[in-house]
Amino acid sequence: MLMGLYNYWVVVVLMMVGFYIVIAHGNLIKKIVGLIIFQTSVFIFYISMAKVDGGTAPILAEGIKLYSNPLPHVLILTAIVVGIATTALALALAVRIKEAYGSIEEEEIQKKDNQDC
C-alpha cells in the first residue's frame, strides 16, 4: 500500500529537503536552490494528482470512454516558465547584493547593513 504511493513520498521528501535548505542556510544561492527544490516538489505533486488511470488523450474517437484532463499539465508548463523567470530574477538580485555588500551570506549582509545605520 505505502509503496504504491511512492510519488507522494518523493514529493514529501523533496519538499522537506527544500524547506530545510531555505531555513537552515544563510547563503543566498543555497536558499534559491532550496526554493527551486521546493517548487519542483509542488510540480510533481500537482502532476501526480492530475494523473487519471486508464485515461487517454482528449481526442474524440470511438470506444474511448475515459479521458485525461490536459489543463493541469498545461498549468504546470506555465508554472515552470514562471519559476525559471523567478529564479533568474533571484540570481540577478543575488549578484547585485554581492556587488553592494561584498558577500552573499545573510549574517554578513545584516552586520554591514546595521553598521550603516
PDB file of N, CA and C in Angstrom:
ATOM      1  N   MET A   1       0.822  -1.193   0.000  1.00  0.00           N
ATOM      2  CA  MET A   1       0.000   0.000   0.000  1.00  0.00           C
ATOM      3  C   MET A   1       0.870   1.262   0.000  1.00  0.00           C
ATOM      4  N   LEU A   2       1.825   1.332   0.923  1.00  0.00           N
ATOM      5  CA  LEU A   2       2.653   2.542   1.007  1.00  0.00           C
ATOM      6  C   LEU A   2       3.580   2.690  -0.187  1.00  0.00           C
ATOM      7  N   MET A   3       4.071   1.593  -0.722  1.00  0.00           N
ATOM      8  CA  MET A   3       4.979   1.697  -1.870  1.00  0.00           C
ATOM      9  C   MET A   3       4.231   2.045  -3.142  1.00  0.00           C
ATOM     10  N   GLY A   4       2.923   1.843  -3.153  1.00  0.00           N
ATOM     11  CA  GLY A   4       2.138   2.234  -4.309  1.00  0.00           C
ATOM     12  C   GLY A   4       2.004   3.739  -4.433  1.00  0.00           C
ATOM     13  N   LEU A   5       2.288   4.435  -3.364  1.00  0.00           N
ATOM     14  CA  LEU A   5       2.196   5.898  -3.349  1.00  0.00           C
ATOM     15  C   LEU A   5       3.581   6.528  -3.329  1.00  0.00           C
ATOM     16  N   TYR A   6       4.528   5.911  -4.031  1.00  0.00           N
ATOM     17  CA  TYR A   6       5.919   6.375  -3.973  1.00  0.00           C
ATOM     18  C   TYR A   6       6.072   7.791  -4.496  1.00  0.00           C
ATOM     19  N   ASN A   7       5.250   8.211  -5.448  1.00  0.00           N
ATOM     20  CA  ASN A   7       5.391   9.571  -5.960  1.00  0.00           C
ATOM     21  C   ASN A   7       5.064  10.604  -4.882  1.00  0.00           C
ATOM     22  N   TYR A   8       4.145  10.282  -3.974  1.00  0.00           N
ATOM     23  CA  TYR A   8       3.841  11.198  -2.885  1.00  0.00           C
ATOM     24  C   TYR A   8       4.971  11.232  -1.860  1.00  0.00           C
ATOM     25  N   TRP A   9       5.621  10.094  -1.653  1.00  0.00           N
ATOM     26  CA  TRP A   9       6.788  10.069  -0.769  1.00  0.00           C
ATOM     27  C   TRP A   9       7.908  10.925  -1.340  1.00  0.00           C
ATOM     28  N   VAL A  10       8.086  10.853  -2.654  1.00  0.00           N
ATOM     29  CA  VAL A  10       9.103  11.685  -3.311  1.00  0.00           C
ATOM     30  C   VAL A  10       8.764  13.163  -3.123  1.00  0.00           C
ATOM     31  N   VAL A  11       7.493  13.498  -3.261  1.00  0.00           N
ATOM     32  CA  VAL A  11       7.060  14.890  -3.077  1.00  0.00           C
ATOM     33  C   VAL A  11       7.362  15.362  -1.657  1.00  0.00           C
ATOM     34  N   VAL A  12       7.017  14.554  -0.669  1.00  0.00           N
ATOM     35  CA  VAL A  12       7.231  14.946   0.727  1.00  0.00           C
ATOM     36  C   VAL A  12       8.720  15.106   1.022  1.00  0.00           C
ATOM     37  N   VAL A  13       9.540  14.173   0.544  1.00  0.00           N
ATOM     38  CA  VAL A  13      10.984  14.254   0.795  1.00  0.00           C
ATOM     39  C   VAL A  13      11.572  15.493   0.128  1.00  0.00           C
ATOM     40  N   LEU A  14      11.231  15.726  -1.131  1.00  0.00           N
ATOM     41  CA  LEU A  14      11.745  16.913  -1.822  1.00  0.00           C
ATOM     42  C   LEU A  14      11.280  18.205  -1.149  1.00  0.00           C
ATOM     43  N   MET A  15      10.037  18.220  -0.720  1.00  0.00           N
ATOM     44  CA  MET A  15       9.507  19.421  -0.081  1.00  0.00           C
ATOM     45  C   MET A  15      10.239  19.710   1.230  1.00  0.00           C
ATOM     46  N   MET A  16      10.465  18.681   2.013  1.00  0.00           N
ATOM     47  CA  MET A  16      11.155  18.882   3.287  1.00  0.00           C
ATOM     48  C   MET A  16      12.627  19.242   3.090  1.00  0.00           C
ATOM     49  N   VAL A  17      13.274  18.653   2.086  1.00  0.00           N
ATOM     50  CA  VAL A  17      14.666  18.994   1.793  1.00  0.00           C
ATOM     51  C   VAL A  17      14.763  20.457   1.362  1.00  0.00           C
ATOM     52  N   GLY A  18      13.884  20.881   0.467  1.00  0.00           N
ATOM     53  CA  GLY A  18      13.887  22.274   0.020  1.00  0.00           C
ATOM     54  C   GLY A  18      13.596  23.231   1.150  1.00  0.00           C
ATOM     55  N   PHE A  19      12.633  22.890   1.992  1.00  0.00           N
ATOM     56  CA  PHE A  19      12.285  23.741   3.133  1.00  0.00           C
ATOM     57  C   PHE A  19      13.448  23.829   4.119  1.00  0.00           C
ATOM     58  N   TYR A  20      14.102  22.710   4.372  1.00  0.00           N
ATOM     59  CA  TYR A  20      15.254  22.704   5.282  1.00  0.00           C
ATOM     60  C   TYR A  20      16.380  23.588   4.751  1.00  0.00           C
ATOM     61  N   ILE A  21      16.640  23.500   3.457  1.00  0.00           N
ATOM     62  CA  ILE A  21      17.708  24.312   2.863  1.00  0.00           C
ATOM     63  C   ILE A  21      17.399  25.798   3.017  1.00  0.00           C
ATOM     64  N   VAL A  22      16.154  26.177   2.787  1.00  0.00           N
ATOM     65  CA  VAL A  22      15.774  27.593   2.905  1.00  0.00           C
ATOM     66  C   VAL A  22      15.924  28.080   4.348  1.00  0.00           C
ATOM     67  N   ILE A  23      15.528  27.247   5.295  1.00  0.00           N
ATOM     68  CA  ILE A  23      15.555  27.659   6.701  1.00  0.00           C
ATOM     69  C   ILE A  23      16.961  27.602   7.293  1.00  0.00           C
ATOM     70  N   ALA A  24      17.719  26.559   6.993  1.00  0.00           N
ATOM     71  CA  ALA A  24      18.969  26.292   7.710  1.00  0.00           C
ATOM     72  C   ALA A  24      20.182  27.037   7.173  1.00  0.00           C
ATOM     73  N   HIS A  25      20.195  27.415   5.929  1.00  0.00           N
ATOM     74  CA  HIS A  25      21.385  28.004   5.336  1.00  0.00           C
ATOM     75  C   HIS A  25      21.252  29.518   5.219  1.00  0.00           C
ATOM     76  N   GLY A  26      22.376  30.208   5.401  1.00  0.00           N
ATOM     77  CA  GLY A  26      22.401  31.661   5.302  1.00  0.00           C
ATOM     78  C   GLY A  26      22.876  32.161   3.948  1.00  0.00           C
ATOM     79  N   ASN A  27      23.396  31.263   3.135  1.00  0.00           N
ATOM     80  CA  ASN A  27      23.890  31.622   1.812  1.00  0.00           C
ATOM     81  C   ASN A  27      22.706  31.840   0.879  1.00  0.00           C
ATOM     82  N   LEU A  28      22.671  32.977   0.195  1.00  0.00           N
ATOM     83  CA  LEU A  28      21.532  33.307  -0.660  1.00  0.00           C
ATOM     84  C   LEU A  28      21.378  32.338  -1.834  1.00  0.00           C
ATOM     85  N   ILE A  29      22.472  31.884  -2.405  1.00  0.00           N
ATOM     86  CA  ILE A  29      22.397  30.946  -3.531  1.00  0.00           C
ATOM     87  C   ILE A  29      21.812  29.617  -3.057  1.00  0.00           C
ATOM     88  N   LYS A  30      22.210  29.164  -1.872  1.00  0.00           N
ATOM     89  CA  LYS A  30      21.653  27.926  -1.333  1.00  0.00           C
ATOM     90  C   LYS A  30      20.158  28.084  -1.067  1.00  0.00           C
ATOM     91  N   LYS A  31      19.749  29.243  -0.611  1.00  0.00           N
ATOM     92  CA  LYS A  31      18.324  29.494  -0.390  1.00  0.00           C
ATOM     93  C   LYS A  31      17.552  29.438  -1.706  1.00  0.00           C
ATOM     94  N   ILE A  32      18.121  29.973  -2.753  1.00  0.00           N
ATOM     95  CA  ILE A  32      17.472  29.929  -4.060  1.00  0.00           C
ATOM     96  C   ILE A  32      17.354  28.484  -4.543  1.00  0.00           C
ATOM     97  N   VAL A  33      18.410  27.703  -4.363  1.00  0.00           N
ATOM     98  CA  VAL A  33      18.363  26.290  -4.746  1.00  0.00           C
ATOM     99  C   VAL A  33      17.301  25.557  -3.928  1.00  0.00           C
ATOM    100  N   GLY A  34      17.184  25.864  -2.638  1.00  0.00           N
ATOM    101  CA  GLY A  34      16.154  25.260  -1.801  1.00  0.00           C
ATOM    102  C   GLY A  34      14.756  25.597  -2.296  1.00  0.00           C
ATOM    103  N   LEU A  35      14.555  26.838  -2.716  1.00  0.00           N
ATOM    104  CA  LEU A  35      13.258  27.219  -3.270  1.00  0.00           C
ATOM    105  C   LEU A  35      12.956  26.486  -4.568  1.00  0.00           C
ATOM    106  N   ILE A  36      13.973  26.261  -5.384  1.00  0.00           N
ATOM    107  CA  ILE A  36      13.781  25.518  -6.634  1.00  0.00           C
ATOM    108  C   ILE A  36      13.382  24.079  -6.336  1.00  0.00           C
ATOM    109  N   ILE A  37      14.036  23.465  -5.362  1.00  0.00           N
ATOM    110  CA  ILE A  37      13.693  22.086  -4.989  1.00  0.00           C
ATOM    111  C   ILE A  37      12.265  22.026  -4.449  1.00  0.00           C
ATOM    112  N   PHE A  38      11.897  22.972  -3.603  1.00  0.00           N
ATOM    113  CA  PHE A  38      10.542  23.021  -3.061  1.00  0.00           C
ATOM    114  C   PHE A  38       9.524  23.187  -4.187  1.00  0.00           C
ATOM    115  N   GLN A  39       9.818  24.066  -5.116  1.00  0.00           N
ATOM    116  CA  GLN A  39       8.928  24.310  -6.247  1.00  0.00           C
ATOM    117  C   GLN A  39       8.780  23.066  -7.113  1.00  0.00           C
ATOM    118  N   THR A  40       9.850  22.341  -7.318  1.00  0.00           N
ATOM    119  CA  THR A  40       9.802  21.115  -8.105  1.00  0.00           C
ATOM    120  C   THR A  40       8.915  20.080  -7.429  1.00  0.00           C
ATOM    121  N   SER A  41       8.959  20.009  -6.107  1.00  0.00           N
ATOM    122  CA  SER A  41       8.096  19.058  -5.410  1.00  0.00           C
ATOM    123  C   SER A  41       6.624  19.409  -5.609  1.00  0.00           C
ATOM    124  N   VAL A  42       6.305  20.677  -5.653  1.00  0.00           N
ATOM    125  CA  VAL A  42       4.924  21.087  -5.901  1.00  0.00           C
ATOM    126  C   VAL A  42       4.505  20.698  -7.324  1.00  0.00           C
ATOM    127  N   PHE A  43       5.395  20.852  -8.283  1.00  0.00           N
ATOM    128  CA  PHE A  43       5.092  20.438  -9.656  1.00  0.00           C
ATOM    129  C   PHE A  43       4.789  18.939  -9.722  1.00  0.00           C
ATOM    130  N   ILE A  44       5.634  18.144  -9.087  1.00  0.00           N
ATOM    131  CA  ILE A  44       5.444  16.694  -9.103  1.00  0.00           C
ATOM    132  C   ILE A  44       4.126  16.332  -8.426  1.00  0.00           C
ATOM    133  N   PHE A  45       3.821  16.989  -7.319  1.00  0.00           N
ATOM    134  CA  PHE A  45       2.568  16.716  -6.619  1.00  0.00           C
ATOM    135  C   PHE A  45       1.370  17.039  -7.498  1.00  0.00           C
ATOM    136  N   TYR A  46       1.388  18.167  -8.139  1.00  0.00           N
ATOM    137  CA  TYR A  46       0.257  18.586  -8.970  1.00  0.00           C
ATOM    138  C   TYR A  46       0.076  17.639 -10.156  1.00  0.00           C
ATOM    139  N   ILE A  47       1.148  17.225 -10.778  1.00  0.00           N
ATOM    140  CA  ILE A  47       1.053  16.292 -11.902  1.00  0.00           C
ATOM    141  C   ILE A  47       0.570  14.932 -11.415  1.00  0.00           C
ATOM    142  N   SER A  48       1.017  14.494 -10.243  1.00  0.00           N
ATOM    143  CA  SER A  48       0.569  13.213  -9.686  1.00  0.00           C
ATOM    144  C   SER A  48      -0.925  13.220  -9.413  1.00  0.00           C
ATOM    145  N   MET A  49      -1.421  14.332  -8.926  1.00  0.00           N
ATOM    146  CA  MET A  49      -2.856  14.429  -8.646  1.00  0.00           C
ATOM    147  C   MET A  49      -3.681  14.439  -9.932  1.00  0.00           C
ATOM    148  N   ALA A  50      -3.106  14.924 -11.009  1.00  0.00           N
ATOM    149  CA  ALA A  50      -3.847  15.042 -12.261  1.00  0.00           C
ATOM    150  C   ALA A  50      -3.869  13.746 -13.069  1.00  0.00           C
ATOM    151  N   LYS A  51      -3.072  12.772 -12.682  1.00  0.00           N
ATOM    152  CA  LYS A  51      -2.999  11.508 -13.423  1.00  0.00           C
ATOM    153  C   LYS A  51      -4.316  10.753 -13.308  1.00  0.00           C
ATOM    154  N   VAL A  52      -4.846  10.314 -14.451  1.00  0.00           N
ATOM    155  CA  VAL A  52      -6.067   9.521 -14.500  1.00  0.00           C
ATOM    156  C   VAL A  52      -5.691   8.128 -14.980  1.00  0.00           C
ATOM    157  N   ASP A  53      -5.924   7.116 -14.135  1.00  0.00           N
ATOM    158  CA  ASP A  53      -5.606   5.741 -14.523  1.00  0.00           C
ATOM    159  C   ASP A  53      -6.530   5.294 -15.654  1.00  0.00           C
ATOM    160  N   GLY A  54      -5.932   4.871 -16.731  1.00  0.00           N
ATOM    161  CA  GLY A  54      -6.695   4.404 -17.880  1.00  0.00           C
ATOM    162  C   GLY A  54      -7.182   5.512 -18.789  1.00  0.00           C
ATOM    163  N   GLY A  55      -6.894   6.736 -18.447  1.00  0.00           N
ATOM    164  CA  GLY A  55      -7.336   7.859 -19.267  1.00  0.00           C
ATOM    165  C   GLY A  55      -6.445   8.046 -20.486  1.00  0.00           C
ATOM    166  N   THR A  56      -7.031   8.509 -21.565  1.00  0.00           N
ATOM    167  CA  THR A  56      -6.276   8.749 -22.796  1.00  0.00           C
ATOM    168  C   THR A  56      -6.288  10.242 -23.100  1.00  0.00           C
ATOM    169  N   ALA A  57      -5.555  10.600 -24.123  1.00  0.00           N
ATOM    170  CA  ALA A  57      -5.519  11.998 -24.556  1.00  0.00           C
ATOM    171  C   ALA A  57      -6.923  12.426 -24.978  1.00  0.00           C
ATOM    172  N   PRO A  58      -7.277  13.687 -24.751  1.00  0.00           N
ATOM    173  CA  PRO A  58      -8.634  14.140 -25.061  1.00  0.00           C
ATOM    174  C   PRO A  58      -8.862  14.346 -26.559  1.00  0.00           C
ATOM    175  N   ILE A  59      -8.770  13.246 -27.280  1.00  0.00           N
ATOM    176  CA  ILE A  59      -9.042  13.255 -28.715  1.00  0.00           C
ATOM    177  C   ILE A  59     -10.256  12.371 -28.933  1.00  0.00           C
ATOM    178  N   LEU A  60     -11.287  12.924 -29.558  1.00  0.00           N
ATOM    179  CA  LEU A  60     -12.512  12.159 -29.745  1.00  0.00           C
ATOM    180  C   LEU A  60     -12.274  10.993 -30.704  1.00  0.00           C
ATOM    181  N   ALA A  61     -12.613   9.816 -30.232  1.00  0.00           N
ATOM    182  CA  ALA A  61     -12.501   8.601 -31.032  1.00  0.00           C
ATOM    183  C   ALA A  61     -13.523   7.598 -30.509  1.00  0.00           C
ATOM    184  N   GLU A  62     -13.843   6.643 -31.332  1.00  0.00           N
ATOM    185  CA  GLU A  62     -14.837   5.650 -30.936  1.00  0.00           C
ATOM    186  C   GLU A  62     -14.250   4.681 -29.915  1.00  0.00           C
ATOM    187  N   GLY A  63     -15.058   4.307 -28.956  1.00  0.00           N
ATOM    188  CA  GLY A  63     -14.662   3.308 -27.978  1.00  0.00           C
ATOM    189  C   GLY A  63     -13.908   3.846 -26.776  1.00  0.00           C
ATOM    190  N   ILE A  64     -13.605   5.119 -26.773  1.00  0.00           N
ATOM    191  CA  ILE A  64     -12.883   5.695 -25.638  1.00  0.00           C
ATOM    192  C   ILE A  64     -13.902   6.355 -24.712  1.00  0.00           C
ATOM    193  N   LYS A  65     -13.866   5.966 -23.457  1.00  0.00           N
ATOM    194  CA  LYS A  65     -14.833   6.488 -22.503  1.00  0.00           C
ATOM    195  C   LYS A  65     -14.182   7.352 -21.415  1.00  0.00           C
ATOM    196  N   LEU A  66     -12.889   7.192 -21.194  1.00  0.00           N
ATOM    197  CA  LEU A  66     -12.222   7.913 -20.114  1.00  0.00           C
ATOM    198  C   LEU A  66     -11.095   8.773 -20.697  1.00  0.00           C
ATOM    199  N   TYR A  67     -11.214  10.049 -20.476  1.00  0.00           N
ATOM    200  CA  TYR A  67     -10.217  10.993 -20.980  1.00  0.00           C
ATOM    201  C   TYR A  67      -9.444  11.616 -19.826  1.00  0.00           C
ATOM    202  N   SER A  68      -8.235  12.019 -20.134  1.00  0.00           N
ATOM    203  CA  SER A  68      -7.396  12.714 -19.162  1.00  0.00           C
ATOM    204  C   SER A  68      -7.485  14.213 -19.420  1.00  0.00           C
ATOM    205  N   ASN A  69      -7.579  14.991 -18.364  1.00  0.00           N
ATOM    206  CA  ASN A  69      -7.682  16.441 -18.482  1.00  0.00           C
ATOM    207  C   ASN A  69      -6.291  17.034 -18.739  1.00  0.00           C
ATOM    208  N   PRO A  70      -6.094  17.748 -19.849  1.00  0.00           N
ATOM    209  CA  PRO A  70      -4.775  18.321 -20.132  1.00  0.00           C
ATOM    210  C   PRO A  70      -4.498  19.624 -19.392  1.00  0.00           C
ATOM    211  N   LEU A  71      -5.491  20.215 -18.758  1.00  0.00           N
ATOM    212  CA  LEU A  71      -5.318  21.518 -18.121  1.00  0.00           C
ATOM    213  C   LEU A  71      -4.250  21.524 -17.022  1.00  0.00           C
ATOM    214  N   PRO A  72      -4.215  20.554 -16.109  1.00  0.00           N
ATOM    215  CA  PRO A  72      -3.162  20.597 -15.083  1.00  0.00           C
ATOM    216  C   PRO A  72      -1.749  20.558 -15.665  1.00  0.00           C
ATOM    217  N   HIS A  73      -1.552  19.813 -16.717  1.00  0.00           N
ATOM    218  CA  HIS A  73      -0.223  19.727 -17.320  1.00  0.00           C
ATOM    219  C   HIS A  73       0.150  21.047 -17.996  1.00  0.00           C
ATOM    220  N   VAL A  74      -0.826  21.689 -18.603  1.00  0.00           N
ATOM    221  CA  VAL A  74      -0.576  22.996 -19.220  1.00  0.00           C
ATOM    222  C   VAL A  74      -0.252  24.033 -18.136  1.00  0.00           C
ATOM    223  N   LEU A  75      -0.964  23.971 -17.029  1.00  0.00           N
ATOM    224  CA  LEU A  75      -0.686  24.903 -15.937  1.00  0.00           C
ATOM    225  C   LEU A  75       0.707  24.687 -15.361  1.00  0.00           C
ATOM    226  N   ILE A  76       1.141  23.439 -15.287  1.00  0.00           N
ATOM    227  CA  ILE A  76       2.482  23.159 -14.784  1.00  0.00           C
ATOM    228  C   ILE A  76       3.535  23.689 -15.754  1.00  0.00           C
ATOM    229  N   LEU A  77       3.300  23.557 -17.048  1.00  0.00           N
ATOM    230  CA  LEU A  77       4.246  24.133 -18.014  1.00  0.00           C
ATOM    231  C   LEU A  77       4.360  25.639 -17.819  1.00  0.00           C
ATOM    232  N   THR A  78       3.234  26.296 -17.597  1.00  0.00           N
ATOM    233  CA  THR A  78       3.248  27.729 -17.337  1.00  0.00           C
ATOM    234  C   THR A  78       3.989  28.026 -16.034  1.00  0.00           C
ATOM    235  N   ALA A  79       3.750  27.211 -14.999  1.00  0.00           N
ATOM    236  CA  ALA A  79       4.426  27.411 -13.716  1.00  0.00           C
ATOM    237  C   ALA A  79       5.932  27.207 -13.843  1.00  0.00           C
ATOM    238  N   ILE A  80       6.354  26.286 -14.691  1.00  0.00           N
ATOM    239  CA  ILE A  80       7.788  26.068 -14.911  1.00  0.00           C
ATOM    240  C   ILE A  80       8.420  27.311 -15.536  1.00  0.00           C
ATOM    241  N   VAL A  81       7.757  27.902 -16.497  1.00  0.00           N
ATOM    242  CA  VAL A  81       8.274  29.116 -17.138  1.00  0.00           C
ATOM    243  C   VAL A  81       8.353  30.260 -16.127  1.00  0.00           C
ATOM    244  N   VAL A  82       7.315  30.416 -15.318  1.00  0.00           N
ATOM    245  CA  VAL A  82       7.322  31.453 -14.291  1.00  0.00           C
ATOM    246  C   VAL A  82       8.419  31.170 -13.265  1.00  0.00           C
ATOM    247  N   GLY A  83       8.614  29.905 -12.917  1.00  0.00           N
ATOM    248  CA  GLY A  83       9.662  29.529 -11.976  1.00  0.00           C
ATOM    249  C   GLY A  83      11.046  29.851 -12.499  1.00  0.00           C
ATOM    250  N   ILE A  84      11.273  29.622 -13.778  1.00  0.00           N
ATOM    251  CA  ILE A  84      12.570  29.943 -14.375  1.00  0.00           C
ATOM    252  C   ILE A  84      12.803  31.454 -14.354  1.00  0.00           C
ATOM    253  N   ALA A  85      11.763  32.215 -14.675  1.00  0.00           N
ATOM    254  CA  ALA A  85      11.896  33.673 -14.642  1.00  0.00           C
ATOM    255  C   ALA A  85      12.150  34.170 -13.220  1.00  0.00           C
ATOM    256  N   THR A  86      11.470  33.593 -12.250  1.00  0.00           N
ATOM    257  CA  THR A  86      11.664  33.977 -10.856  1.00  0.00           C
ATOM    258  C   THR A  86      13.070  33.626 -10.385  1.00  0.00           C
ATOM    259  N   THR A  87      13.551  32.454 -10.793  1.00  0.00           N
ATOM    260  CA  THR A  87      14.912  32.039 -10.433  1.00  0.00           C
ATOM    261  C   THR A  87      15.951  32.972 -11.044  1.00  0.00           C
ATOM    262  N   ALA A  88      15.739  33.347 -12.290  1.00  0.00           N
ATOM    263  CA  ALA A  88      16.666  34.274 -12.942  1.00  0.00           C
ATOM    264  C   ALA A  88      16.678  35.624 -12.225  1.00  0.00           C
ATOM    265  N   LEU A  89      15.512  36.097 -11.815  1.00  0.00           N
ATOM    266  CA  LEU A  89      15.439  37.356 -11.082  1.00  0.00           C
ATOM    267  C   LEU A  89      16.137  37.237  -9.725  1.00  0.00           C
ATOM    268  N   ALA A  90      15.917  36.128  -9.030  1.00  0.00           N
ATOM    269  CA  ALA A  90      16.554  35.929  -7.717  1.00  0.00           C
ATOM    270  C   ALA A  90      18.066  35.866  -7.854  1.00  0.00           C
ATOM    271  N   LEU A  91      18.556  35.191  -8.873  1.00  0.00           N
ATOM    272  CA  LEU A  91      20.000  35.129  -9.086  1.00  0.00           C
ATOM    273  C   LEU A  91      20.575  36.493  -9.454  1.00  0.00           C
ATOM    274  N   ALA A  92      19.833  37.268 -10.248  1.00  0.00           N
ATOM    275  CA  ALA A  92      20.281  38.625 -10.583  1.00  0.00           C
ATOM    276  C   ALA A  92      20.329  39.502  -9.329  1.00  0.00           C
ATOM    277  N   LEU A  93      19.349  39.348  -8.449  1.00  0.00           N
ATOM    278  CA  LEU A  93      19.374  40.090  -7.190  1.00  0.00           C
ATOM    279  C   LEU A  93      20.538  39.654  -6.306  1.00  0.00           C
ATOM    280  N   ALA A  94      20.853  38.371  -6.315  1.00  0.00           N
ATOM    281  CA  ALA A  94      21.995  37.882  -5.537  1.00  0.00           C
ATOM    282  C   ALA A  94      23.300  38.482  -6.051  1.00  0.00           C
ATOM    283  N   VAL A  95      23.417  38.632  -7.363  1.00  0.00           N
ATOM    284  CA  VAL A  95      24.611  39.260  -7.934  1.00  0.00           C
ATOM    285  C   VAL A  95      24.700  40.718  -7.506  1.00  0.00           C
ATOM    286  N   ARG A  96      23.570  41.428  -7.537  1.00  0.00           N
ATOM    287  CA  ARG A  96      23.576  42.834  -7.120  1.00  0.00           C
ATOM    288  C   ARG A  96      23.893  42.978  -5.633  1.00  0.00           C
ATOM    289  N   ILE A  97      23.370  42.057  -4.817  1.00  0.00           N
ATOM    290  CA  ILE A  97      23.674  42.080  -3.382  1.00  0.00           C
ATOM    291  C   ILE A  97      25.159  41.821  -3.157  1.00  0.00           C
ATOM    292  N   LYS A  98      25.736  40.899  -3.914  1.00  0.00           N
ATOM    293  CA  LYS A  98      27.172  40.603  -3.814  1.00  0.00           C
ATOM    294  C   LYS A  98      27.984  41.845  -4.173  1.00  0.00           C
ATOM    295  N   GLU A  99      27.567  42.570  -5.212  1.00  0.00           N
ATOM    296  CA  GLU A  99      28.276  43.793  -5.603  1.00  0.00           C
ATOM    297  C   GLU A  99      28.141  44.882  -4.539  1.00  0.00           C
ATOM    298  N   ALA A 100      26.967  44.990  -3.927  1.00  0.00           N
ATOM    299  CA  ALA A 100      26.720  46.060  -2.966  1.00  0.00           C
ATOM    300  C   ALA A 100      27.339  45.778  -1.601  1.00  0.00           C
ATOM    301  N   TYR A 101      27.267  44.530  -1.140  1.00  0.00           N
ATOM    302  CA  TYR A 101      27.717  44.194   0.213  1.00  0.00           C
ATOM    303  C   TYR A 101      29.005  43.389   0.255  1.00  0.00           C
ATOM    304  N   GLY A 102      29.421  42.848  -0.875  1.00  0.00           N
ATOM    305  CA  GLY A 102      30.649  42.066  -0.913  1.00  0.00           C
ATOM    306  C   GLY A 102      30.484  40.646  -0.413  1.00  0.00           C
ATOM    307  N   SER A 103      29.254  40.211  -0.169  1.00  0.00           N
ATOM    308  CA  SER A 103      29.003  38.862   0.344  1.00  0.00           C
ATOM    309  C   SER A 103      27.584  38.434  -0.010  1.00  0.00           C
ATOM    310  N   ILE A 104      27.374  37.132  -0.003  1.00  0.00           N
ATOM    311  CA  ILE A 104      26.018  36.615  -0.172  1.00  0.00           C
ATOM    312  C   ILE A 104      25.575  35.830   1.062  1.00  0.00           C
ATOM    313  N   GLU A 105      26.332  35.972   2.146  1.00  0.00           N
ATOM    314  CA  GLU A 105      25.961  35.355   3.421  1.00  0.00           C
ATOM    315  C   GLU A 105      25.026  36.305   4.171  1.00  0.00           C
ATOM    316  N   GLU A 106      23.909  35.779   4.603  1.00  0.00           N
ATOM    317  CA  GLU A 106      22.870  36.599   5.216  1.00  0.00           C
ATOM    318  C   GLU A 106      23.355  37.342   6.467  1.00  0.00           C
ATOM    319  N   GLU A 107      24.120  36.674   7.312  1.00  0.00           N
ATOM    320  CA  GLU A 107      24.601  37.311   8.547  1.00  0.00           C
ATOM    321  C   GLU A 107      25.546  38.473   8.259  1.00  0.00           C
ATOM    322  N   GLU A 108      26.439  38.306   7.293  1.00  0.00           N
ATOM    323  CA  GLU A 108      27.373  39.375   6.949  1.00  0.00           C
ATOM    324  C   GLU A 108      26.641  40.569   6.351  1.00  0.00           C
ATOM    325  N   ILE A 109      25.624  40.305   5.547  1.00  0.00           N
ATOM    326  CA  ILE A 109      24.838  41.382   4.951  1.00  0.00           C
ATOM    327  C   ILE A 109      24.115  42.158   6.045  1.00  0.00           C
ATOM    328  N   GLN A 110      23.549  41.450   7.031  1.00  0.00           N
ATOM    329  CA  GLN A 110      22.843  42.129   8.122  1.00  0.00           C
ATOM    330  C   GLN A 110      23.806  42.929   8.987  1.00  0.00           C
ATOM    331  N   LYS A 111      25.021  42.412   9.234  1.00  0.00           N
ATOM    332  CA  LYS A 111      26.017  43.158  10.010  1.00  0.00           C
ATOM    333  C   LYS A 111      26.404  44.454   9.311  1.00  0.00           C
ATOM    334  N   LYS A 112      26.678  44.367   8.005  1.00  0.00           N
ATOM    335  CA  LYS A 112      27.054  45.572   7.254  1.00  0.00           C
ATOM    336  C   LYS A 112      25.899  46.554   7.171  1.00  0.00           C
ATOM    337  N   ASP A 113      24.693  46.039   7.054  1.00  0.00           N
ATOM    338  CA  ASP A 113      23.525  46.901   6.976  1.00  0.00           C
ATOM    339  C   ASP A 113      23.283  47.610   8.303  1.00  0.00           C
ATOM    340  N   ASN A 114      23.501  46.903   9.399  1.00  0.00           N
ATOM    341  CA  ASN A 114      23.338  47.523  10.735  1.00  0.00           C
ATOM    342  C   ASN A 114      24.429  48.522  11.037  1.00  0.00           C
ATOM    343  N   GLN A 115      25.624  48.339  10.507  1.00  0.00           N
ATOM    344  CA  GLN A 115      26.723  49.278  10.707  1.00  0.00           C
ATOM    345  C   GLN A 115      26.454  50.600  10.027  1.00  0.00           C
ATOM    346  N   ASP A 116      25.742  50.554   8.905  1.00  0.00           N
ATOM    347  CA  ASP A 116      25.453  51.766   8.152  1.00  0.00           C
ATOM    348  C   ASP A 116      24.408  52.645   8.848  1.00  0.00           C
ATOM    349  N   CYS A 117      23.612  52.064   9.736  1.00  0.00           N
ATOM    350  CA  CYS A 117      22.539  52.837  10.396  1.00  0.00           C
ATOM    351  C   CYS A 117      23.050  53.753  11.449  1.00  0.00           C
TER     352      CYS A 117
END
